[in-house]
Amino acid sequence: MKKLIAALALGAAVATVGAAGAAEIEVTMLNKGEKGAMVFQPDFVSAAPGDTIR
């Protein structure tokens, strides 16, 4: 029984660490920006698997 509880705790810890590395990136559209009219800010996004882009 103790081994089962230890295995479940280890699994939960690994799952939590994996989610902690994910980033949330917000992209907005501007009427006027440095590069002209109707541009996205930021204009380039480098996302990794698991990241969220809004």
PDB file of N, CA and C in Angstrom:
ATOM      1  N   MET A   1       0.815  -1.194   0.000  1.00  0.00           N
ATOM      2  CA  MET A   1       0.000   0.000   0.000  1.00  0.00           C
ATOM      3  C   MET A   1       0.861   1.261   0.000  1.00  0.00           C
ATOM      4  N   LYS A   2       1.959   1.234   0.771  1.00  0.00           N
ATOM      5  CA  LYS A   2       2.850   2.394   0.824  1.00  0.00           C
ATOM      6  C   LYS A   2       3.494   2.649  -0.538  1.00  0.00           C
ATOM      7  N   LYS A   3       3.814   1.580  -1.273  1.00  0.00           N
ATOM      8  CA  LYS A   3       4.412   1.740  -2.592  1.00  0.00           C
ATOM      9  C   LYS A   3       3.427   2.382  -3.561  1.00  0.00           C
ATOM     10  N   LEU A   4       2.154   2.027  -3.463  1.00  0.00           N
ATOM     11  CA  LEU A   4       1.125   2.608  -4.324  1.00  0.00           C
ATOM     12  C   LEU A   4       0.979   4.102  -4.053  1.00  0.00           C
ATOM     13  N   ILE A   5       0.955   4.477  -2.806  1.00  0.00           N
ATOM     14  CA  ILE A   5       0.824   5.889  -2.446  1.00  0.00           C
ATOM     15  C   ILE A   5       2.060   6.671  -2.914  1.00  0.00           C
ATOM     16  N   ALA A   6       3.239   6.072  -2.745  1.00  0.00           N
ATOM     17  CA  ALA A   6       4.466   6.738  -3.189  1.00  0.00           C
ATOM     18  C   ALA A   6       4.473   6.910  -4.702  1.00  0.00           C
ATOM     19  N   ALA A   7       4.000   5.906  -5.442  1.00  0.00           N
ATOM     20  CA  ALA A   7       3.949   5.992  -6.905  1.00  0.00           C
ATOM     21  C   ALA A   7       2.965   7.058  -7.354  1.00  0.00           C
ATOM     22  N   LEU A   8       1.825   7.162  -6.708  1.00  0.00           N
ATOM     23  CA  LEU A   8       0.840   8.191  -7.051  1.00  0.00           C
ATOM     24  C   LEU A   8       1.378   9.587  -6.753  1.00  0.00           C
ATOM     25  N   ALA A   9       2.068   9.743  -5.637  1.00  0.00           N
ATOM     26  CA  ALA A   9       2.647  11.045  -5.285  1.00  0.00           C
ATOM     27  C   ALA A   9       3.720  11.447  -6.286  1.00  0.00           C
ATOM     28  N   LEU A  10       4.542  10.491  -6.697  1.00  0.00           N
ATOM     29  CA  LEU A  10       5.580  10.776  -7.686  1.00  0.00           C
ATOM     30  C   LEU A  10       4.959  11.167  -9.025  1.00  0.00           C
ATOM     31  N   GLY A  11       3.915  10.473  -9.442  1.00  0.00           N
ATOM     32  CA  GLY A  11       3.227  10.803 -10.692  1.00  0.00           C
ATOM     33  C   GLY A  11       2.623  12.195 -10.657  1.00  0.00           C
ATOM     34  N   ALA A  12       2.025  12.560  -9.538  1.00  0.00           N
ATOM     35  CA  ALA A  12       1.437  13.898  -9.400  1.00  0.00           C
ATOM     36  C   ALA A  12       2.518  14.977  -9.435  1.00  0.00           C
ATOM     37  N   ALA A  13       3.658  14.707  -8.830  1.00  0.00           N
ATOM     38  CA  ALA A  13       4.748  15.686  -8.831  1.00  0.00           C
ATOM     39  C   ALA A  13       5.306  15.885 -10.232  1.00  0.00           C
ATOM     40  N   VAL A  14       5.458  14.820 -10.980  1.00  0.00           N
ATOM     41  CA  VAL A  14       5.975  14.915 -12.345  1.00  0.00           C
ATOM     42  C   VAL A  14       4.988  15.669 -13.231  1.00  0.00           C
ATOM     43  N   ALA A  15       3.697  15.412 -13.092  1.00  0.00           N
ATOM     44  CA  ALA A  15       2.683  16.100 -13.892  1.00  0.00           C
ATOM     45  C   ALA A  15       2.660  17.595 -13.574  1.00  0.00           C
ATOM     46  N   THR A  16       2.847  17.956 -12.329  1.00  0.00           N
ATOM     47  CA  THR A  16       2.841  19.367 -11.922  1.00  0.00           C
ATOM     48  C   THR A  16       4.058  20.098 -12.473  1.00  0.00           C
ATOM     49  N   VAL A  17       5.211  19.467 -12.456  1.00  0.00           N
ATOM     50  CA  VAL A  17       6.436  20.098 -12.955  1.00  0.00           C
ATOM     51  C   VAL A  17       6.331  20.323 -14.456  1.00  0.00           C
ATOM     52  N   GLY A  18       5.740  19.408 -15.203  1.00  0.00           N
ATOM     53  CA  GLY A  18       5.591  19.563 -16.644  1.00  0.00           C
ATOM     54  C   GLY A  18       4.709  20.744 -17.000  1.00  0.00           C
ATOM     55  N   ALA A  19       3.654  20.973 -16.265  1.00  0.00           N
ATOM     56  CA  ALA A  19       2.743  22.075 -16.532  1.00  0.00           C
ATOM     57  C   ALA A  19       3.341  23.415 -16.117  1.00  0.00           C
ATOM     58  N   ALA A  20       4.251  23.405 -15.172  1.00  0.00           N
ATOM     59  CA  ALA A  20       4.832  24.651 -14.681  1.00  0.00           C
ATOM     60  C   ALA A  20       5.734  25.303 -15.721  1.00  0.00           C
ATOM     61  N   GLY A  21       6.263  24.546 -16.662  1.00  0.00           N
ATOM     62  CA  GLY A  21       7.152  25.098 -17.670  1.00  0.00           C
ATOM     63  C   GLY A  21       6.437  25.760 -18.832  1.00  0.00           C
ATOM     64  N   ALA A  22       5.125  25.596 -18.928  1.00  0.00           N
ATOM     65  CA  ALA A  22       4.369  26.163 -20.046  1.00  0.00           C
ATOM     66  C   ALA A  22       4.212  27.670 -19.869  1.00  0.00           C
ATOM     67  N   ALA A  23       4.253  28.380 -20.988  1.00  0.00           N
ATOM     68  CA  ALA A  23       4.114  29.843 -20.961  1.00  0.00           C
ATOM     69  C   ALA A  23       2.796  30.252 -21.601  1.00  0.00           C
ATOM     70  N   GLU A  24       2.313  31.409 -21.218  1.00  0.00           N
ATOM     71  CA  GLU A  24       1.123  31.983 -21.841  1.00  0.00           C
ATOM     72  C   GLU A  24       1.546  33.275 -22.529  1.00  0.00           C
ATOM     73  N   ILE A  25       1.322  33.332 -23.848  1.00  0.00           N
ATOM     74  CA  ILE A  25       1.749  34.463 -24.662  1.00  0.00           C
ATOM     75  C   ILE A  25       0.510  35.178 -25.177  1.00  0.00           C
ATOM     76  N   GLU A  26       0.443  36.489 -24.974  1.00  0.00           N
ATOM     77  CA  GLU A  26      -0.704  37.269 -25.444  1.00  0.00           C
ATOM     78  C   GLU A  26      -0.294  38.111 -26.645  1.00  0.00           C
ATOM     79  N   VAL A  27      -1.026  37.969 -27.738  1.00  0.00           N
ATOM     80  CA  VAL A  27      -0.786  38.740 -28.954  1.00  0.00           C
ATOM     81  C   VAL A  27      -1.957  39.708 -29.132  1.00  0.00           C
ATOM     82  N   THR A  28      -1.646  40.978 -29.335  1.00  0.00           N
ATOM     83  CA  THR A  28      -2.689  41.980 -29.540  1.00  0.00           C
ATOM     84  C   THR A  28      -2.544  42.605 -30.919  1.00  0.00           C
ATOM     85  N   MET A  29      -3.641  43.123 -31.430  1.00  0.00           N
ATOM     86  CA  MET A  29      -3.621  43.821 -32.716  1.00  0.00           C
ATOM     87  C   MET A  29      -3.756  45.311 -32.443  1.00  0.00           C
ATOM     88  N   LEU A  30      -2.825  46.095 -32.990  1.00  0.00           N
ATOM     89  CA  LEU A  30      -2.813  47.534 -32.765  1.00  0.00           C
ATOM     90  C   LEU A  30      -3.262  48.270 -34.020  1.00  0.00           C
ATOM     91  N   ASN A  31      -4.006  49.343 -33.857  1.00  0.00           N
ATOM     92  CA  ASN A  31      -4.398  50.177 -34.993  1.00  0.00           C
ATOM     93  C   ASN A  31      -3.177  50.844 -35.617  1.00  0.00           C
ATOM     94  N   LYS A  32      -2.222  51.224 -34.763  1.00  0.00           N
ATOM     95  CA  LYS A  32      -1.007  51.861 -35.244  1.00  0.00           C
ATOM     96  C   LYS A  32       0.141  51.409 -34.357  1.00  0.00           C
ATOM     97  N   GLY A  33       1.190  50.928 -34.984  1.00  0.00           N
ATOM     98  CA  GLY A  33       2.365  50.481 -34.248  1.00  0.00           C
ATOM     99  C   GLY A  33       3.624  51.022 -34.867  1.00  0.00           C
ATOM    100  N   GLU A  34       4.779  50.530 -34.402  1.00  0.00           N
ATOM    101  CA  GLU A  34       6.070  50.989 -34.912  1.00  0.00           C
ATOM    102  C   GLU A  34       6.236  50.680 -36.395  1.00  0.00           C
ATOM    103  N   LYS A  35       5.616  49.591 -36.867  1.00  0.00           N
ATOM    104  CA  LYS A  35       5.797  49.154 -38.256  1.00  0.00           C
ATOM    105  C   LYS A  35       4.635  49.541 -39.159  1.00  0.00           C
ATOM    106  N   GLY A  36       3.723  50.376 -38.694  1.00  0.00           N
ATOM    107  CA  GLY A  36       2.628  50.824 -39.532  1.00  0.00           C
ATOM    108  C   GLY A  36       1.281  50.606 -38.886  1.00  0.00           C
ATOM    109  N   ALA A  37       0.243  50.549 -39.751  1.00  0.00           N
ATOM    110  CA  ALA A  37      -1.132  50.403 -39.273  1.00  0.00           C
ATOM    111  C   ALA A  37      -1.537  48.934 -39.266  1.00  0.00           C
ATOM    112  N   MET A  38      -2.441  48.592 -38.362  1.00  0.00           N
ATOM    113  CA  MET A  38      -3.004  47.250 -38.245  1.00  0.00           C
ATOM    114  C   MET A  38      -1.907  46.193 -38.121  1.00  0.00           C
ATOM    115  N   VAL A  39      -1.137  46.255 -37.037  1.00  0.00           N
ATOM    116  CA  VAL A  39      -0.034  45.335 -36.807  1.00  0.00           C
ATOM    117  C   VAL A  39      -0.279  44.519 -35.546  1.00  0.00           C
ATOM    118  N   PHE A  40       0.381  43.380 -35.456  1.00  0.00           N
ATOM    119  CA  PHE A  40       0.294  42.534 -34.273  1.00  0.00           C
ATOM    120  C   PHE A  40       1.480  42.821 -33.361  1.00  0.00           C
ATOM    121  N   GLN A  41       1.213  42.779 -32.070  1.00  0.00           N
ATOM    122  CA  GLN A  41       2.256  43.015 -31.077  1.00  0.00           C
ATOM    123  C   GLN A  41       2.293  41.846 -30.128  1.00  0.00           C
ATOM    124  N   PRO A  42       3.314  41.062 -30.008  1.00  0.00           N
ATOM    125  CA  PRO A  42       4.552  41.089 -30.773  1.00  0.00           C
ATOM    126  C   PRO A  42       4.332  40.575 -32.189  1.00  0.00           C
ATOM    127  N   ASP A  43       5.212  40.970 -33.104  1.00  0.00           N
ATOM    128  CA  ASP A  43       5.047  40.570 -34.501  1.00  0.00           C
ATOM    129  C   ASP A  43       5.604  39.173 -34.766  1.00  0.00           C
ATOM    130  N   PHE A  44       6.414  38.630 -33.845  1.00  0.00           N
ATOM    131  CA  PHE A  44       6.938  37.270 -33.973  1.00  0.00           C
ATOM    132  C   PHE A  44       6.826  36.575 -32.628  1.00  0.00           C
ATOM    133  N   VAL A  45       6.341  35.330 -32.642  1.00  0.00           N
ATOM    134  CA  VAL A  45       6.199  34.547 -31.415  1.00  0.00           C
ATOM    135  C   VAL A  45       6.917  33.222 -31.607  1.00  0.00           C
ATOM    136  N   SER A  46       7.760  32.880 -30.650  1.00  0.00           N
ATOM    137  CA  SER A  46       8.414  31.573 -30.638  1.00  0.00           C
ATOM    138  C   SER A  46       7.782  30.781 -29.498  1.00  0.00           C
ATOM    139  N   ALA A  47       6.917  29.827 -29.848  1.00  0.00           N
ATOM    140  CA  ALA A  47       6.189  29.057 -28.849  1.00  0.00           C
ATOM    141  C   ALA A  47       6.699  27.615 -28.818  1.00  0.00           C
ATOM    142  N   ALA A  48       6.706  27.050 -27.645  1.00  0.00           N
ATOM    143  CA  ALA A  48       7.099  25.656 -27.460  1.00  0.00           C
ATOM    144  C   ALA A  48       5.842  24.810 -27.268  1.00  0.00           C
ATOM    145  N   PRO A  49       5.936  23.505 -27.475  1.00  0.00           N
ATOM    146  CA  PRO A  49       4.784  22.640 -27.213  1.00  0.00           C
ATOM    147  C   PRO A  49       4.292  22.821 -25.775  1.00  0.00           C
ATOM    148  N   GLY A  50       3.006  22.993 -25.623  1.00  0.00           N
ATOM    149  CA  GLY A  50       2.410  23.211 -24.310  1.00  0.00           C
ATOM    150  C   GLY A  50       2.135  24.666 -23.992  1.00  0.00           C
ATOM    151  N   ASP A  51       2.732  25.590 -24.741  1.00  0.00           N
ATOM    152  CA  ASP A  51       2.488  27.015 -24.527  1.00  0.00           C
ATOM    153  C   ASP A  51       1.086  27.389 -25.022  1.00  0.00           C
ATOM    154  N   THR A  52       0.523  28.431 -24.451  1.00  0.00           N
ATOM    155  CA  THR A  52      -0.794  28.929 -24.847  1.00  0.00           C
ATOM    156  C   THR A  52      -0.628  30.309 -25.466  1.00  0.00           C
ATOM    157  N   ILE A  53      -1.214  30.483 -26.654  1.00  0.00           N
ATOM    158  CA  ILE A  53      -1.187  31.776 -27.331  1.00  0.00           C
ATOM    159  C   ILE A  53      -2.605  32.300 -27.396  1.00  0.00           C
ATOM    160  N   ARG A  54      -2.806  33.500 -26.876  1.00  0.00           N
ATOM    161  CA  ARG A  54      -4.134  34.123 -26.887  1.00  0.00           C
ATOM    162  C   ARG A  54      -4.085  35.382 -27.713  1.00  0.00           C
TER     163      ARG A  54
END
